[in-house]
C-alpha cells in the first residue's frame, strides 16, 4: 500500500484530572506570517503559474499569479484610500468568483477584514432585514457585488441611509459600492476594473508588512437560524 500521509510523531501527556494532551513531535518549520505573505511569495516564485480558473461562456477564464498580484495590489491601494485608518471592513455580497478571490486577497494584504455574506441574504430575501443587521454590526467601508442589477435592492438596503443605524452612503458618502459594471441599478458605483487599476504606492507594502497573526482576516456570520446572524 502506498503511504499518503507522513508517519505520525506524537507525544502524550496524561494529567491527574484524567485529561490527555497530544503534541506533535515534529518541530514547527518557518512559515509565512500571513495569507498575504504566502500569496506574495508564491507570486514571486511561480509568476506564470495559474492561480485560479473559472468557467466562462467559451471555456475557462484563467489568471496567473503575476496578473493576480498586479490586480490585488491595485485593489489594496484602492481599499486603503476608502477604508481609512480604522480599517473598516469590506462586505462581499456575491458568490465565489475570481473577483471575490482578488478582493479577499487585497483585504488580507492591507489587514482589512473581509466579510463574505451568503448570497441568499441578498438575492432571496424580500426585505433584507437580516442583511441590514449584519451591515450595522460590521459597518463596512466598501460593499462589493459583481452584478449591480441583480444586487441593486440588496445594495440599497446595506448602503442606504435607512434609519441612521446603517453605514449609509447617501449624502455622507461613507460607503463605497463596487460592481463589475460600475452601476448598481440606477445608481452609480465604482467599477471593479477601475479599482484594480489604482496606482500603487508604498503604503501597500507597508501595510502588508504590518499584517500579523493577530490581524483580523475575516468576519464570518452564523446561519442565524435561532435569531440574527
Protein backbone atom coordinates (compact mmCIF):
# COMPACT_ATOMS: atom_id res chain seq x y z
CA UNK A 1 0.00 0.00 0.00
CA UNK A 2 1.30 3.44 -0.94
CA UNK A 3 1.66 5.76 2.01
CA UNK A 4 -0.27 9.02 1.58
CA UNK A 5 0.48 10.75 4.85
CA UNK A 6 3.68 11.16 6.83
CA UNK A 7 4.43 8.84 9.71
CA UNK A 8 2.78 10.37 12.80
CA UNK A 9 5.12 11.54 15.54
CA UNK A 10 3.22 12.40 18.70
CA UNK A 11 3.76 12.59 22.42
CA UNK A 12 1.02 12.14 25.02
CA UNK A 13 0.89 13.72 28.47
CA UNK A 14 -1.70 12.47 30.97
CA UNK A 15 -2.70 14.68 33.89
CA UNK A 16 -4.17 13.86 37.36
CA UNK A 17 -7.65 15.00 36.27
CA UNK A 18 -7.65 12.28 33.62
CA UNK A 19 -7.10 14.56 30.66
CA UNK A 20 -4.57 13.72 27.98
CA UNK A 21 -2.78 16.25 25.82
CA UNK A 22 -1.35 15.15 22.48
CA UNK A 23 1.52 17.12 20.96
CA UNK A 24 3.27 16.79 17.65
CA UNK A 25 6.85 15.62 17.90
CA UNK A 26 7.74 17.36 14.62
CA UNK A 27 9.25 20.82 15.18
CA UNK A 28 7.34 23.68 13.57
CA UNK A 29 9.17 24.86 10.47
CA UNK A 30 9.39 28.51 9.35
CA UNK A 31 6.10 29.77 7.96
CA UNK A 32 4.65 32.88 6.37
CA UNK A 33 3.29 35.42 8.78
CA UNK A 34 0.07 35.92 6.86
CA UNK A 35 -2.02 34.71 3.93
CA UNK A 36 -0.87 37.79 2.02
CA UNK A 37 2.72 36.76 2.66
CA UNK A 38 2.05 33.29 1.27
CA UNK A 39 0.35 34.74 -1.82
CA UNK A 40 3.14 37.22 -2.47
CA UNK A 41 5.84 34.56 -2.01
CA UNK A 42 4.06 32.23 -4.44
CA UNK A 43 3.70 35.04 -6.99
CA UNK A 44 7.43 35.71 -6.78
CA UNK A 45 8.37 32.02 -7.03
CA UNK A 46 5.88 31.00 -9.75
CA UNK A 47 4.85 34.16 -11.63
CA UNK A 48 3.45 32.37 -14.69
CA UNK A 49 1.62 29.61 -12.85
CA UNK A 50 -2.18 29.72 -12.94
CA UNK A 51 -3.60 30.82 -9.61
CA UNK A 52 -7.30 30.40 -10.36
CA UNK A 53 -9.61 29.30 -13.17
CA UNK A 54 -13.31 29.99 -13.60
CA UNK A 55 -15.76 28.58 -16.11
CA UNK A 56 -16.73 31.09 -18.79
CA UNK A 57 -19.03 31.07 -21.80
CA UNK A 58 -16.19 29.92 -24.04
CA UNK A 59 -14.16 27.51 -21.91
CA UNK A 60 -12.16 28.70 -18.93
CA UNK A 61 -11.06 32.09 -17.72
CA UNK A 62 -7.66 31.86 -16.02
CA UNK A 63 -5.48 34.22 -14.04
CA UNK A 64 -1.75 33.86 -13.44
CA UNK A 65 -0.02 34.74 -10.20
CA UNK A 66 1.63 37.73 -11.91
CA UNK A 67 -1.65 39.24 -13.10
CA UNK A 68 -3.34 38.42 -9.81
CA UNK A 69 -0.58 40.15 -7.83
CA UNK A 70 -0.88 43.24 -10.04
CA UNK A 71 -4.64 43.47 -9.58
CA UNK A 72 -4.51 42.64 -5.88
CA UNK A 73 -2.03 45.44 -5.22
CA UNK A 74 -4.21 47.89 -7.18
CA UNK A 75 -7.29 46.80 -5.26
CA UNK A 76 -5.38 47.02 -1.98
CA UNK A 77 -4.43 50.61 -2.73
CA UNK A 78 -8.00 51.43 -3.71
CA UNK A 79 -9.27 49.95 -0.47
CA UNK A 80 -6.69 51.85 1.55
CA UNK A 81 -7.97 55.05 0.01
CA UNK A 82 -11.53 54.17 1.04
CA UNK A 83 -11.33 52.19 4.28
CA UNK A 84 -9.45 54.82 6.25
CA UNK A 85 -7.05 54.39 9.18
CA UNK A 86 -9.68 52.45 11.15
CA UNK A 87 -9.50 49.65 8.55
CA UNK A 88 -13.27 49.30 8.27
CA UNK A 89 -14.32 46.00 6.68
CA UNK A 90 -15.18 45.11 3.09
CA UNK A 91 -18.54 43.35 2.74
CA UNK A 92 -18.85 40.92 -0.20
CA UNK A 93 -22.43 40.12 -1.21
CA UNK A 94 -21.90 37.99 -4.31
CA UNK A 95 -20.73 34.39 -4.53
CA UNK A 96 -17.44 32.73 -5.42
CA UNK A 97 -15.64 34.24 -8.40
CA UNK A 98 -12.22 35.42 -9.48
CA UNK A 99 -13.12 38.93 -8.36
CA UNK A 100 -14.25 37.64 -4.97
CA UNK A 101 -10.85 35.97 -4.53
CA UNK A 102 -8.87 39.03 -5.66
CA UNK A 103 -10.79 41.35 -3.36
CA UNK A 104 -10.29 38.97 -0.44
CA UNK A 105 -6.54 38.79 -1.12
CA UNK A 106 -6.45 42.59 -1.26
CA UNK A 107 -8.09 42.71 2.16
CA UNK A 108 -5.54 40.22 3.51
CA UNK A 109 -2.73 42.34 2.04
CA UNK A 110 -3.60 45.51 3.96
CA UNK A 111 -5.14 43.98 7.07
CA UNK A 112 -8.75 44.94 6.35
CA UNK A 113 -11.37 42.34 7.36
CA UNK A 114 -13.28 40.70 4.51
CA UNK A 115 -16.93 39.95 5.27
CA UNK A 116 -18.38 37.40 2.81
CA UNK A 117 -22.15 37.10 3.09
CA UNK A 118 -24.32 34.25 1.82
CA UNK A 119 -25.97 35.25 -1.45
CA UNK A 120 -29.32 34.07 -0.07
CA UNK A 121 -29.49 37.13 2.19
CA UNK A 122 -29.06 39.41 -0.82
CA UNK A 123 -30.96 37.60 -3.59
CA UNK A 124 -33.71 35.57 -1.90
CA UNK A 125 -34.77 37.80 0.98
CA UNK A 126 -37.57 40.28 0.32
CA UNK A 127 -36.98 42.91 3.00
CA UNK A 128 -33.21 42.38 3.53
CA UNK A 129 -33.68 42.90 7.28
CA UNK A 130 -31.02 40.31 8.12
CA UNK A 131 -28.61 41.89 5.68
CA UNK A 132 -29.15 45.26 7.37
CA UNK A 133 -28.39 43.71 10.77
CA UNK A 134 -25.08 42.33 9.51
CA UNK A 135 -24.21 45.64 7.90
CA UNK A 136 -24.89 47.51 11.13
CA UNK A 137 -22.67 45.09 13.03
CA UNK A 138 -19.61 45.42 10.81
CA UNK A 139 -20.21 48.91 9.34
CA UNK A 140 -18.35 48.30 6.08
CA UNK A 141 -16.43 50.99 4.24
CA UNK A 142 -16.81 49.10 0.95
CA UNK A 143 -19.53 46.78 -0.35
CA UNK A 144 -18.95 44.58 -3.41
CA UNK A 145 -21.46 42.79 -5.61
CA UNK A 146 -20.49 41.54 -9.04
CA UNK A 147 -23.87 42.16 -10.73
CA UNK A 148 -25.10 45.66 -9.98
CA UNK A 149 -28.56 44.96 -11.37
CA UNK A 150 -29.19 41.64 -9.61
CA UNK A 151 -27.95 43.01 -6.29
CA UNK A 152 -29.36 46.53 -6.63
CA UNK A 153 -32.01 46.16 -3.91
CA UNK A 154 -29.57 44.48 -1.53
CA UNK A 155 -27.01 47.23 -2.12
CA UNK A 156 -29.60 49.88 -1.37
CA UNK A 157 -30.55 48.03 1.83
CA UNK A 158 -26.95 47.82 3.00
CA UNK A 159 -25.73 51.24 1.96
CA UNK A 160 -28.83 53.42 2.07
CA UNK A 161 -29.28 55.91 4.93
CA UNK A 162 -32.27 53.99 6.36
CA UNK A 163 -32.93 55.00 9.96
CA UNK A 164 -29.41 56.21 10.57
CA UNK A 165 -28.27 52.92 12.13
CA UNK A 166 -26.73 51.56 8.95
CA UNK A 167 -23.47 52.71 7.36
CA UNK A 168 -25.16 54.73 4.62
CA UNK A 169 -23.52 56.40 1.66
CA UNK A 170 -26.18 58.85 0.53
CA UNK A 171 -25.22 62.38 1.47
CA UNK A 172 -22.43 61.33 3.82
CA UNK A 173 -20.64 59.23 1.19
CA UNK A 174 -19.39 56.92 3.92
CA UNK A 175 -19.66 53.65 1.98
CA UNK A 176 -18.28 52.81 -1.45
CA UNK A 177 -20.22 50.42 -3.68
CA UNK A 178 -18.20 48.32 -6.15
CA UNK A 179 -19.70 46.34 -9.03
CA UNK A 180 -18.32 44.93 -12.25
CA UNK A 181 -20.18 47.42 -14.46
CA UNK A 182 -19.82 50.50 -12.27
CA UNK A 183 -23.58 50.64 -11.84
CA UNK A 184 -25.88 49.49 -9.02
CA UNK A 185 -29.30 49.50 -10.61
CA UNK A 186 -29.96 53.16 -11.45
CA UNK A 187 -27.20 54.41 -9.16
CA UNK A 188 -23.55 54.93 -9.90
CA UNK A 189 -20.89 52.70 -8.36
CA UNK A 190 -17.14 52.18 -8.65
CA UNK A 191 -16.21 49.68 -11.35
CA UNK A 192 -14.12 46.74 -10.14
CA UNK A 193 -11.70 47.15 -13.05
CA UNK A 194 -11.22 50.81 -12.20
CA UNK A 195 -10.39 49.97 -8.59
CA UNK A 196 -7.92 47.28 -9.70
CA UNK A 197 -6.05 49.87 -11.80
CA UNK A 198 -5.47 52.23 -8.85
CA UNK A 199 -1.83 53.43 -8.93
CA UNK A 200 0.01 51.60 -6.16
CA UNK A 201 2.02 53.46 -3.54
CA UNK A 202 4.49 52.27 -0.91
CA UNK A 203 1.63 52.20 1.62
CA UNK A 204 0.53 48.81 0.28
CA UNK A 205 3.88 47.17 1.08
CA UNK A 206 3.96 48.93 4.45
CA UNK A 207 0.54 47.63 5.39
CA UNK A 208 1.37 44.14 4.12
CA UNK A 209 4.49 44.08 6.31
CA UNK A 210 2.42 45.10 9.33
CA UNK A 211 -0.09 42.25 8.97
CA UNK A 212 0.49 39.53 11.56
CA UNK A 213 -1.12 36.60 13.41
CA UNK A 214 -3.40 38.89 15.42
CA UNK A 215 -4.75 40.78 12.40
CA UNK A 216 -8.41 40.05 11.74
CA UNK A 217 -8.65 38.46 8.29
CA UNK A 218 -12.35 37.65 8.00
CA UNK A 219 -15.65 38.11 9.76
CA UNK A 220 -17.93 35.12 9.25
CA UNK A 221 -21.59 35.12 10.24
CA UNK A 222 -23.58 32.18 11.60
CA UNK A 223 -26.69 30.96 9.81
CA UNK A 224 -28.98 32.96 12.07
CA UNK A 225 -31.34 30.02 12.39
CA UNK A 226 -32.00 30.84 16.07
CA UNK A 227 -32.19 34.61 15.58
CA UNK A 228 -29.98 37.11 13.84
CA UNK A 229 -26.60 36.01 12.43
